[in-house]
């Protein structure tokens, strides 16, 4: 489980930042997949 934090209204998450944060967090799985044996074909 990759439980992500992201910016929201009141702490920097006004458009487009909230979406950019969430997308970047999901894409960061590529950086940690090998070290943590994550199957990115089953996300």
ModelCIF file with pLDDT and N, C-alpha, C, O atoms, coordinates in Angstrom:
data_MODEL
#
_entry.id   MODEL 
#
_entity.id                         1 
_entity.type                       polymer 
_entity.pdbx_number_of_molecules   1 
#
_entity_poly.entity_id                      1 
_entity_poly.type                           'polypeptide(L)' 
_entity_poly.nstd_linkage                   no 
_entity_poly.nstd_monomer                   no 
_entity_poly.pdbx_seq_one_letter_code       
;(UNK)(UNK)(UNK)(UNK)(UNK)(UNK)(UNK)(UNK)(UNK)(UNK)(UNK)(UNK)(UNK)(UNK)(UNK)(UNK)
(UNK)(UNK)(UNK)(UNK)(UNK)(UNK)(UNK)(UNK)(UNK)(UNK)(UNK)(UNK)(UNK)(UNK)(UNK)(UNK)
(UNK)(UNK)(UNK)(UNK)(UNK)(UNK)(UNK)(UNK)(UNK)(UNK)(UNK)
;
_entity_poly.pdbx_seq_one_letter_code_can   XXXXXXXXXXXXXXXXXXXXXXXXXXXXXXXXXXXXXXXXXXX 
_entity_poly.pdbx_strand_id                 A 
#
loop_
_entity_poly_seq.entity_id 
_entity_poly_seq.num 
_entity_poly_seq.mon_id 
_entity_poly_seq.hetero 
1 1  UNK n 
1 2  UNK n 
1 3  UNK n 
1 4  UNK n 
1 5  UNK n 
1 6  UNK n 
1 7  UNK n 
1 8  UNK n 
1 9  UNK n 
1 10 UNK n 
1 11 UNK n 
1 12 UNK n 
1 13 UNK n 
1 14 UNK n 
1 15 UNK n 
1 16 UNK n 
1 17 UNK n 
1 18 UNK n 
1 19 UNK n 
1 20 UNK n 
1 21 UNK n 
1 22 UNK n 
1 23 UNK n 
1 24 UNK n 
1 25 UNK n 
1 26 UNK n 
1 27 UNK n 
1 28 UNK n 
1 29 UNK n 
1 30 UNK n 
1 31 UNK n 
1 32 UNK n 
1 33 UNK n 
1 34 UNK n 
1 35 UNK n 
1 36 UNK n 
1 37 UNK n 
1 38 UNK n 
1 39 UNK n 
1 40 UNK n 
1 41 UNK n 
1 42 UNK n 
1 43 UNK n 
#
_struct_asym.id          A 
_struct_asym.entity_id   1 
#
loop_
_ma_qa_metric.id 
_ma_qa_metric.mode 
_ma_qa_metric.name 
_ma_qa_metric.software_group_id 
_ma_qa_metric.type 
1 global pLDDT . pLDDT 
2 local  pLDDT . pLDDT 
#
_ma_qa_metric_global.metric_id      1 
_ma_qa_metric_global.metric_value   97.60 
_ma_qa_metric_global.model_id       1 
_ma_qa_metric_global.ordinal_id     1 
#
loop_
_ma_qa_metric_local.label_asym_id 
_ma_qa_metric_local.label_comp_id 
_ma_qa_metric_local.label_seq_id 
_ma_qa_metric_local.metric_id 
_ma_qa_metric_local.metric_value 
_ma_qa_metric_local.model_id 
_ma_qa_metric_local.ordinal_id 
A UNK 1  2 98.00 1 1  
A UNK 2  2 98.00 1 2  
A UNK 3  2 98.00 1 3  
A UNK 4  2 98.00 1 4  
A UNK 5  2 98.00 1 5  
A UNK 6  2 98.00 1 6  
A UNK 7  2 98.00 1 7  
A UNK 8  2 97.00 1 8  
A UNK 9  2 96.00 1 9  
A UNK 10 2 95.00 1 10 
A UNK 11 2 96.00 1 11 
A UNK 12 2 96.00 1 12 
A UNK 13 2 97.00 1 13 
A UNK 14 2 95.00 1 14 
A UNK 15 2 97.00 1 15 
A UNK 16 2 98.00 1 16 
A UNK 17 2 98.00 1 17 
A UNK 18 2 98.00 1 18 
A UNK 19 2 98.00 1 19 
A UNK 20 2 98.00 1 20 
A UNK 21 2 98.00 1 21 
A UNK 22 2 98.00 1 22 
A UNK 23 2 98.00 1 23 
A UNK 24 2 98.00 1 24 
A UNK 25 2 98.00 1 25 
A UNK 26 2 98.00 1 26 
A UNK 27 2 98.00 1 27 
A UNK 28 2 98.00 1 28 
A UNK 29 2 98.00 1 29 
A UNK 30 2 98.00 1 30 
A UNK 31 2 98.00 1 31 
A UNK 32 2 98.00 1 32 
A UNK 33 2 98.00 1 33 
A UNK 34 2 98.00 1 34 
A UNK 35 2 97.00 1 35 
A UNK 36 2 98.00 1 36 
A UNK 37 2 98.00 1 37 
A UNK 38 2 98.00 1 38 
A UNK 39 2 98.00 1 39 
A UNK 40 2 98.00 1 40 
A UNK 41 2 97.00 1 41 
A UNK 42 2 98.00 1 42 
A UNK 43 2 98.00 1 43 
#
loop_
_atom_site.group_PDB 
_atom_site.id 
_atom_site.type_symbol 
_atom_site.label_atom_id 
_atom_site.label_alt_id 
_atom_site.label_comp_id 
_atom_site.label_asym_id 
_atom_site.label_entity_id 
_atom_site.label_seq_id 
_atom_site.pdbx_PDB_ins_code 
_atom_site.Cartn_x 
_atom_site.Cartn_y 
_atom_site.Cartn_z 
_atom_site.occupancy 
_atom_site.B_iso_or_equiv 
_atom_site.pdbx_formal_charge 
_atom_site.auth_seq_id 
_atom_site.auth_comp_id 
_atom_site.auth_asym_id 
_atom_site.auth_atom_id 
_atom_site.pdbx_PDB_model_num 
ATOM 1   N N  . UNK A 1 1  ? 0.843  -1.190 0.000   1.00 98.00 ? 1  UNK A N  1 
ATOM 2   C CA . UNK A 1 1  ? 0.000  0.000  0.000   1.00 98.00 ? 1  UNK A CA 1 
ATOM 3   C C  . UNK A 1 1  ? 0.879  1.241  0.000   1.00 98.00 ? 1  UNK A C  1 
ATOM 4   O O  . UNK A 1 1  ? 1.680  1.452  0.910   1.00 98.00 ? 1  UNK A O  1 
ATOM 5   N N  . UNK A 1 2  ? 0.717  2.057  -1.035  1.00 98.00 ? 2  UNK A N  1 
ATOM 6   C CA . UNK A 1 2  ? 1.431  3.323  -1.194  1.00 98.00 ? 2  UNK A CA 1 
ATOM 7   C C  . UNK A 1 2  ? 0.431  4.425  -0.851  1.00 98.00 ? 2  UNK A C  1 
ATOM 8   O O  . UNK A 1 2  ? -0.321 4.893  -1.707  1.00 98.00 ? 2  UNK A O  1 
ATOM 9   N N  . UNK A 1 3  ? 0.439  4.825  0.411   1.00 98.00 ? 3  UNK A N  1 
ATOM 10  C CA . UNK A 1 3  ? -0.504 5.810  0.955   1.00 98.00 ? 3  UNK A CA 1 
ATOM 11  C C  . UNK A 1 3  ? 0.098  7.193  0.756   1.00 98.00 ? 3  UNK A C  1 
ATOM 12  O O  . UNK A 1 3  ? 1.071  7.552  1.420   1.00 98.00 ? 3  UNK A O  1 
ATOM 13  N N  . UNK A 1 4  ? -0.477 7.970  -0.158  1.00 98.00 ? 4  UNK A N  1 
ATOM 14  C CA . UNK A 1 4  ? 0.200  9.190  -0.591  1.00 98.00 ? 4  UNK A CA 1 
ATOM 15  C C  . UNK A 1 4  ? -0.357 10.432 0.092   1.00 98.00 ? 4  UNK A C  1 
ATOM 16  O O  . UNK A 1 4  ? -1.555 10.549 0.351   1.00 98.00 ? 4  UNK A O  1 
ATOM 17  N N  . UNK A 1 5  ? 0.554  11.347 0.372   1.00 98.00 ? 5  UNK A N  1 
ATOM 18  C CA . UNK A 1 5  ? 0.176  12.683 0.824   1.00 98.00 ? 5  UNK A CA 1 
ATOM 19  C C  . UNK A 1 5  ? 0.334  13.643 -0.346  1.00 98.00 ? 5  UNK A C  1 
ATOM 20  O O  . UNK A 1 5  ? 1.102  13.387 -1.272  1.00 98.00 ? 5  UNK A O  1 
ATOM 21  N N  . UNK A 1 6  ? -0.392 14.735 -0.296  1.00 98.00 ? 6  UNK A N  1 
ATOM 22  C CA . UNK A 1 6  ? -0.370 15.703 -1.397  1.00 98.00 ? 6  UNK A CA 1 
ATOM 23  C C  . UNK A 1 6  ? -0.890 17.037 -0.874  1.00 98.00 ? 6  UNK A C  1 
ATOM 24  O O  . UNK A 1 6  ? -1.559 17.099 0.157   1.00 98.00 ? 6  UNK A O  1 
ATOM 25  N N  . UNK A 1 7  ? -0.569 18.102 -1.605  1.00 98.00 ? 7  UNK A N  1 
ATOM 26  C CA . UNK A 1 7  ? -1.039 19.419 -1.201  1.00 98.00 ? 7  UNK A CA 1 
ATOM 27  C C  . UNK A 1 7  ? -2.508 19.617 -1.550  1.00 98.00 ? 7  UNK A C  1 
ATOM 28  O O  . UNK A 1 7  ? -3.000 19.137 -2.571  1.00 98.00 ? 7  UNK A O  1 
ATOM 29  N N  . UNK A 1 8  ? -3.202 20.354 -0.651  1.00 97.00 ? 8  UNK A N  1 
ATOM 30  C CA . UNK A 1 8  ? -4.633 20.569 -0.775  1.00 97.00 ? 8  UNK A CA 1 
ATOM 31  C C  . UNK A 1 8  ? -4.933 22.056 -0.613  1.00 97.00 ? 8  UNK A C  1 
ATOM 32  O O  . UNK A 1 8  ? -4.012 22.864 -0.490  1.00 97.00 ? 8  UNK A O  1 
ATOM 33  N N  . UNK A 1 9  ? -6.191 22.416 -0.611  1.00 96.00 ? 9  UNK A N  1 
ATOM 34  C CA . UNK A 1 9  ? -6.545 23.814 -0.387  1.00 96.00 ? 9  UNK A CA 1 
ATOM 35  C C  . UNK A 1 9  ? -6.084 24.233 1.008   1.00 96.00 ? 9  UNK A C  1 
ATOM 36  O O  . UNK A 1 9  ? -6.409 23.589 2.005   1.00 96.00 ? 9  UNK A O  1 
ATOM 37  N N  . UNK A 1 10 ? -5.328 25.313 1.056   1.00 95.00 ? 10 UNK A N  1 
ATOM 38  C CA . UNK A 1 10 ? -4.825 25.817 2.327   1.00 95.00 ? 10 UNK A CA 1 
ATOM 39  C C  . UNK A 1 10 ? -3.362 25.521 2.554   1.00 95.00 ? 10 UNK A C  1 
ATOM 40  O O  . UNK A 1 10 ? -2.738 26.142 3.414   1.00 95.00 ? 10 UNK A O  1 
ATOM 41  N N  . UNK A 1 11 ? -2.790 24.577 1.795   1.00 96.00 ? 11 UNK A N  1 
ATOM 42  C CA . UNK A 1 11 ? -1.360 24.299 1.969   1.00 96.00 ? 11 UNK A CA 1 
ATOM 43  C C  . UNK A 1 11 ? -0.651 24.107 0.632   1.00 96.00 ? 11 UNK A C  1 
ATOM 44  O O  . UNK A 1 11 ? 0.271  23.300 0.512   1.00 96.00 ? 11 UNK A O  1 
ATOM 45  N N  . UNK A 1 12 ? -1.101 24.870 -0.377  1.00 96.00 ? 12 UNK A N  1 
ATOM 46  C CA . UNK A 1 12 ? -0.387 24.893 -1.654  1.00 96.00 ? 12 UNK A CA 1 
ATOM 47  C C  . UNK A 1 12 ? -0.972 24.045 -2.755  1.00 96.00 ? 12 UNK A C  1 
ATOM 48  O O  . UNK A 1 12 ? -0.330 23.850 -3.787  1.00 96.00 ? 12 UNK A O  1 
ATOM 49  N N  . UNK A 1 13 ? -2.198 23.524 -2.562  1.00 97.00 ? 13 UNK A N  1 
ATOM 50  C CA . UNK A 1 13 ? -2.752 22.602 -3.532  1.00 97.00 ? 13 UNK A CA 1 
ATOM 51  C C  . UNK A 1 13 ? -3.693 23.185 -4.556  1.00 97.00 ? 13 UNK A C  1 
ATOM 52  O O  . UNK A 1 13 ? -4.407 22.443 -5.232  1.00 97.00 ? 13 UNK A O  1 
ATOM 53  N N  . UNK A 1 14 ? -3.712 24.529 -4.690  1.00 95.00 ? 14 UNK A N  1 
ATOM 54  C CA . UNK A 1 14 ? -4.600 25.112 -5.692  1.00 95.00 ? 14 UNK A CA 1 
ATOM 55  C C  . UNK A 1 14 ? -4.169 24.693 -7.087  1.00 95.00 ? 14 UNK A C  1 
ATOM 56  O O  . UNK A 1 14 ? -2.999 24.388 -7.319  1.00 95.00 ? 14 UNK A O  1 
ATOM 57  N N  . UNK A 1 15 ? -5.119 24.680 -8.015  1.00 97.00 ? 15 UNK A N  1 
ATOM 58  C CA . UNK A 1 15 ? -4.860 24.155 -9.354  1.00 97.00 ? 15 UNK A CA 1 
ATOM 59  C C  . UNK A 1 15 ? -3.613 24.798 -9.971  1.00 97.00 ? 15 UNK A C  1 
ATOM 60  O O  . UNK A 1 15 ? -3.431 26.013 -9.890  1.00 97.00 ? 15 UNK A O  1 
ATOM 61  N N  . UNK A 1 16 ? -2.752 23.972 -10.592 1.00 98.00 ? 16 UNK A N  1 
ATOM 62  C CA . UNK A 1 16 ? -2.872 22.529 -10.847 1.00 98.00 ? 16 UNK A CA 1 
ATOM 63  C C  . UNK A 1 16 ? -2.123 21.655 -9.844  1.00 98.00 ? 16 UNK A C  1 
ATOM 64  O O  . UNK A 1 16 ? -1.962 20.455 -10.067 1.00 98.00 ? 16 UNK A O  1 
ATOM 65  N N  . UNK A 1 17 ? -1.661 22.255 -8.726  1.00 98.00 ? 17 UNK A N  1 
ATOM 66  C CA . UNK A 1 17 ? -0.669 21.566 -7.909  1.00 98.00 ? 17 UNK A CA 1 
ATOM 67  C C  . UNK A 1 17 ? -1.174 20.276 -7.277  1.00 98.00 ? 17 UNK A C  1 
ATOM 68  O O  . UNK A 1 17 ? -0.430 19.298 -7.196  1.00 98.00 ? 17 UNK A O  1 
ATOM 69  N N  . UNK A 1 18 ? -2.430 20.259 -6.825  1.00 98.00 ? 18 UNK A N  1 
ATOM 70  C CA . UNK A 1 18 ? -2.947 19.031 -6.219  1.00 98.00 ? 18 UNK A CA 1 
ATOM 71  C C  . UNK A 1 18 ? -2.834 17.853 -7.182  1.00 98.00 ? 18 UNK A C  1 
ATOM 72  O O  . UNK A 1 18 ? -2.380 16.772 -6.805  1.00 98.00 ? 18 UNK A O  1 
ATOM 73  N N  . UNK A 1 19 ? -3.248 18.070 -8.420  1.00 98.00 ? 19 UNK A N  1 
ATOM 74  C CA . UNK A 1 19 ? -3.184 17.010 -9.421  1.00 98.00 ? 19 UNK A CA 1 
ATOM 75  C C  . UNK A 1 19 ? -1.738 16.624 -9.726  1.00 98.00 ? 19 UNK A C  1 
ATOM 76  O O  . UNK A 1 19 ? -1.419 15.442 -9.856  1.00 98.00 ? 19 UNK A O  1 
ATOM 77  N N  . UNK A 1 20 ? -0.872 17.619 -9.840  1.00 98.00 ? 20 UNK A N  1 
ATOM 78  C CA . UNK A 1 20 ? 0.532  17.327 -10.129 1.00 98.00 ? 20 UNK A CA 1 
ATOM 79  C C  . UNK A 1 20 ? 1.155  16.503 -9.010  1.00 98.00 ? 20 UNK A C  1 
ATOM 80  O O  . UNK A 1 20 ? 1.945  15.594 -9.269  1.00 98.00 ? 20 UNK A O  1 
ATOM 81  N N  . UNK A 1 21 ? 0.803  16.817 -7.767  1.00 98.00 ? 21 UNK A N  1 
ATOM 82  C CA . UNK A 1 21 ? 1.330  16.055 -6.635  1.00 98.00 ? 21 UNK A CA 1 
ATOM 83  C C  . UNK A 1 21 ? 0.861  14.605 -6.692  1.00 98.00 ? 21 UNK A C  1 
ATOM 84  O O  . UNK A 1 21 ? 1.665  13.682 -6.562  1.00 98.00 ? 21 UNK A O  1 
ATOM 85  N N  . UNK A 1 22 ? -0.423 14.409 -6.883  1.00 98.00 ? 22 UNK A N  1 
ATOM 86  C CA . UNK A 1 22 ? -0.973 13.052 -6.883  1.00 98.00 ? 22 UNK A CA 1 
ATOM 87  C C  . UNK A 1 22 ? -0.386 12.237 -8.037  1.00 98.00 ? 22 UNK A C  1 
ATOM 88  O O  . UNK A 1 22 ? -0.032 11.071 -7.864  1.00 98.00 ? 22 UNK A O  1 
ATOM 89  N N  . UNK A 1 23 ? -0.287 12.855 -9.204  1.00 98.00 ? 23 UNK A N  1 
ATOM 90  C CA . UNK A 1 23 ? 0.315  12.158 -10.335 1.00 98.00 ? 23 UNK A CA 1 
ATOM 91  C C  . UNK A 1 23 ? 1.777  11.822 -10.094 1.00 98.00 ? 23 UNK A C  1 
ATOM 92  O O  . UNK A 1 23 ? 2.223  10.717 -10.400 1.00 98.00 ? 23 UNK A O  1 
ATOM 93  N N  . UNK A 1 24 ? 2.526  12.777 -9.544  1.00 98.00 ? 24 UNK A N  1 
ATOM 94  C CA . UNK A 1 24 ? 3.946  12.535 -9.275  1.00 98.00 ? 24 UNK A CA 1 
ATOM 95  C C  . UNK A 1 24 ? 4.132  11.455 -8.221  1.00 98.00 ? 24 UNK A C  1 
ATOM 96  O O  . UNK A 1 24 ? 5.066  10.657 -8.306  1.00 98.00 ? 24 UNK A O  1 
ATOM 97  N N  . UNK A 1 25 ? 3.254  11.424 -7.233  1.00 98.00 ? 25 UNK A N  1 
ATOM 98  C CA . UNK A 1 25 ? 3.342  10.391 -6.198  1.00 98.00 ? 25 UNK A CA 1 
ATOM 99  C C  . UNK A 1 25 ? 3.118  9.013  -6.801  1.00 98.00 ? 25 UNK A C  1 
ATOM 100 O O  . UNK A 1 25 ? 3.849  8.072  -6.493  1.00 98.00 ? 25 UNK A O  1 
ATOM 101 N N  . UNK A 1 26 ? 2.116  8.890  -7.654  1.00 98.00 ? 26 UNK A N  1 
ATOM 102 C CA . UNK A 1 26 ? 1.868  7.603  -8.296  1.00 98.00 ? 26 UNK A CA 1 
ATOM 103 C C  . UNK A 1 26 ? 3.051  7.197  -9.166  1.00 98.00 ? 26 UNK A C  1 
ATOM 104 O O  . UNK A 1 26 ? 3.475  6.042  -9.140  1.00 98.00 ? 26 UNK A O  1 
ATOM 105 N N  . UNK A 1 27 ? 3.582  8.134  -9.930  1.00 98.00 ? 27 UNK A N  1 
ATOM 106 C CA . UNK A 1 27 ? 4.690  7.824  -10.832 1.00 98.00 ? 27 UNK A CA 1 
ATOM 107 C C  . UNK A 1 27 ? 5.975  7.503  -10.076 1.00 98.00 ? 27 UNK A C  1 
ATOM 108 O O  . UNK A 1 27 ? 6.876  6.864  -10.620 1.00 98.00 ? 27 UNK A O  1 
ATOM 109 N N  . UNK A 1 28 ? 6.061  7.943  -8.833  1.00 98.00 ? 28 UNK A N  1 
ATOM 110 C CA . UNK A 1 28 ? 7.258  7.662  -8.035  1.00 98.00 ? 28 UNK A CA 1 
ATOM 111 C C  . UNK A 1 28 ? 7.414  6.170  -7.741  1.00 98.00 ? 28 UNK A C  1 
ATOM 112 O O  . UNK A 1 28 ? 8.489  5.721  -7.342  1.00 98.00 ? 28 UNK A O  1 
ATOM 113 N N  . UNK A 1 29 ? 6.360  5.420  -7.936  1.00 98.00 ? 29 UNK A N  1 
ATOM 114 C CA . UNK A 1 29 ? 6.466  3.967  -7.759  1.00 98.00 ? 29 UNK A CA 1 
ATOM 115 C C  . UNK A 1 29 ? 7.589  3.384  -8.609  1.00 98.00 ? 29 UNK A C  1 
ATOM 116 O O  . UNK A 1 29 ? 8.227  2.408  -8.213  1.00 98.00 ? 29 UNK A O  1 
ATOM 117 N N  . UNK A 1 30 ? 7.831  3.973  -9.770  1.00 98.00 ? 30 UNK A N  1 
ATOM 118 C CA . UNK A 1 30 ? 8.913  3.474  -10.629 1.00 98.00 ? 30 UNK A CA 1 
ATOM 119 C C  . UNK A 1 30 ? 10.271 3.580  -9.936  1.00 98.00 ? 30 UNK A C  1 
ATOM 120 O O  . UNK A 1 30 ? 11.161 2.766  -10.182 1.00 98.00 ? 30 UNK A O  1 
ATOM 121 N N  . UNK A 1 31 ? 10.429 4.583  -9.070  1.00 98.00 ? 31 UNK A N  1 
ATOM 122 C CA . UNK A 1 31 ? 11.710 4.802  -8.417  1.00 98.00 ? 31 UNK A CA 1 
ATOM 123 C C  . UNK A 1 31 ? 11.954 3.822  -7.273  1.00 98.00 ? 31 UNK A C  1 
ATOM 124 O O  . UNK A 1 31 ? 13.102 3.603  -6.885  1.00 98.00 ? 31 UNK A O  1 
ATOM 125 N N  . UNK A 1 32 ? 10.903 3.237  -6.736  1.00 98.00 ? 32 UNK A N  1 
ATOM 126 C CA . UNK A 1 32 ? 11.057 2.377  -5.559  1.00 98.00 ? 32 UNK A CA 1 
ATOM 127 C C  . UNK A 1 32 ? 10.667 0.927  -5.830  1.00 98.00 ? 32 UNK A C  1 
ATOM 128 O O  . UNK A 1 32 ? 10.793 0.078  -4.949  1.00 98.00 ? 32 UNK A O  1 
ATOM 129 N N  . UNK A 1 33 ? 10.196 0.638  -7.038  1.00 98.00 ? 33 UNK A N  1 
ATOM 130 C CA . UNK A 1 33 ? 9.650  -0.689 -7.330  1.00 98.00 ? 33 UNK A CA 1 
ATOM 131 C C  . UNK A 1 33 ? 10.692 -1.795 -7.175  1.00 98.00 ? 33 UNK A C  1 
ATOM 132 O O  . UNK A 1 33 ? 10.419 -2.822 -6.554  1.00 98.00 ? 33 UNK A O  1 
ATOM 133 N N  . UNK A 1 34 ? 11.874 -1.591 -7.731  1.00 98.00 ? 34 UNK A N  1 
ATOM 134 C CA . UNK A 1 34 ? 12.895 -2.641 -7.664  1.00 98.00 ? 34 UNK A CA 1 
ATOM 135 C C  . UNK A 1 34 ? 13.332 -2.905 -6.230  1.00 98.00 ? 34 UNK A C  1 
ATOM 136 O O  . UNK A 1 34 ? 13.450 -4.056 -5.811  1.00 98.00 ? 34 UNK A O  1 
ATOM 137 N N  . UNK A 1 35 ? 13.570 -1.835 -5.483  1.00 97.00 ? 35 UNK A N  1 
ATOM 138 C CA . UNK A 1 35 ? 14.066 -1.996 -4.113  1.00 97.00 ? 35 UNK A CA 1 
ATOM 139 C C  . UNK A 1 35 ? 13.046 -2.680 -3.211  1.00 97.00 ? 35 UNK A C  1 
ATOM 140 O O  . UNK A 1 35 ? 13.415 -3.381 -2.268  1.00 97.00 ? 35 UNK A O  1 
ATOM 141 N N  . UNK A 1 36 ? 11.757 -2.476 -3.503  1.00 98.00 ? 36 UNK A N  1 
ATOM 142 C CA . UNK A 1 36 ? 10.717 -3.010 -2.623  1.00 98.00 ? 36 UNK A CA 1 
ATOM 143 C C  . UNK A 1 36 ? 9.906  -4.144 -3.258  1.00 98.00 ? 36 UNK A C  1 
ATOM 144 O O  . UNK A 1 36 ? 8.877  -4.558 -2.724  1.00 98.00 ? 36 UNK A O  1 
ATOM 145 N N  . UNK A 1 37 ? 10.385 -4.640 -4.406  1.00 98.00 ? 37 UNK A N  1 
ATOM 146 C CA . UNK A 1 37 ? 9.745  -5.796 -5.062  1.00 98.00 ? 37 UNK A CA 1 
ATOM 147 C C  . UNK A 1 37 ? 8.268  -5.547 -5.356  1.00 98.00 ? 37 UNK A C  1 
ATOM 148 O O  . UNK A 1 37 ? 7.411  -6.372 -5.038  1.00 98.00 ? 37 UNK A O  1 
ATOM 149 N N  . UNK A 1 38 ? 7.986  -4.401 -5.965  1.00 98.00 ? 38 UNK A N  1 
ATOM 150 C CA . UNK A 1 38 ? 6.616  -4.041 -6.324  1.00 98.00 ? 38 UNK A CA 1 
ATOM 151 C C  . UNK A 1 38 ? 6.326  -4.472 -7.754  1.00 98.00 ? 38 UNK A C  1 
ATOM 152 O O  . UNK A 1 38 ? 7.172  -4.336 -8.638  1.00 98.00 ? 38 UNK A O  1 
ATOM 153 N N  . UNK A 1 39 ? 5.137  -4.987 -7.970  1.00 98.00 ? 39 UNK A N  1 
ATOM 154 C CA . UNK A 1 39 ? 4.716  -5.423 -9.297  1.00 98.00 ? 39 UNK A CA 1 
ATOM 155 C C  . UNK A 1 39 ? 3.904  -4.313 -9.953  1.00 98.00 ? 39 UNK A C  1 
ATOM 156 O O  . UNK A 1 39 ? 2.714  -4.165 -9.676  1.00 98.00 ? 39 UNK A O  1 
ATOM 157 N N  . UNK A 1 40 ? 4.537  -3.541 -10.810 1.00 98.00 ? 40 UNK A N  1 
ATOM 158 C CA . UNK A 1 40 ? 3.868  -2.399 -11.422 1.00 98.00 ? 40 UNK A CA 1 
ATOM 159 C C  . UNK A 1 40 ? 2.948  -2.799 -12.566 1.00 98.00 ? 40 UNK A C  1 
ATOM 160 O O  . UNK A 1 40 ? 2.326  -1.938 -13.188 1.00 98.00 ? 40 UNK A O  1 
ATOM 161 N N  . UNK A 1 41 ? 2.853  -4.083 -12.847 1.00 97.00 ? 41 UNK A N  1 
ATOM 162 C CA . UNK A 1 41 ? 1.826  -4.558 -13.769 1.00 97.00 ? 41 UNK A CA 1 
ATOM 163 C C  . UNK A 1 41 ? 0.510  -4.829 -13.052 1.00 97.00 ? 41 UNK A C  1 
ATOM 164 O O  . UNK A 1 41 ? -0.486 -5.183 -13.683 1.00 97.00 ? 41 UNK A O  1 
ATOM 165 N N  . UNK A 1 42 ? 0.508  -4.660 -11.735 1.00 98.00 ? 42 UNK A N  1 
ATOM 166 C CA . UNK A 1 42 ? -0.692 -4.930 -10.935 1.00 98.00 ? 42 UNK A CA 1 
ATOM 167 C C  . UNK A 1 42 ? -0.928 -3.786 -9.958  1.00 98.00 ? 42 UNK A C  1 
ATOM 168 O O  . UNK A 1 42 ? -0.882 -3.962 -8.741  1.00 98.00 ? 42 UNK A O  1 
ATOM 169 N N  . UNK A 1 43 ? -1.183 -2.601 -10.527 1.00 98.00 ? 43 UNK A N  1 
ATOM 170 C CA . UNK A 1 43 ? -1.413 -1.405 -9.725  1.00 98.00 ? 43 UNK A CA 1 
ATOM 171 C C  . UNK A 1 43 ? -2.906 -1.074 -9.736  1.00 98.00 ? 43 UNK A C  1 
ATOM 172 O O  . UNK A 1 43 ? -3.326 -0.096 -9.118  1.00 98.00 ? 43 UNK A O  1 
#
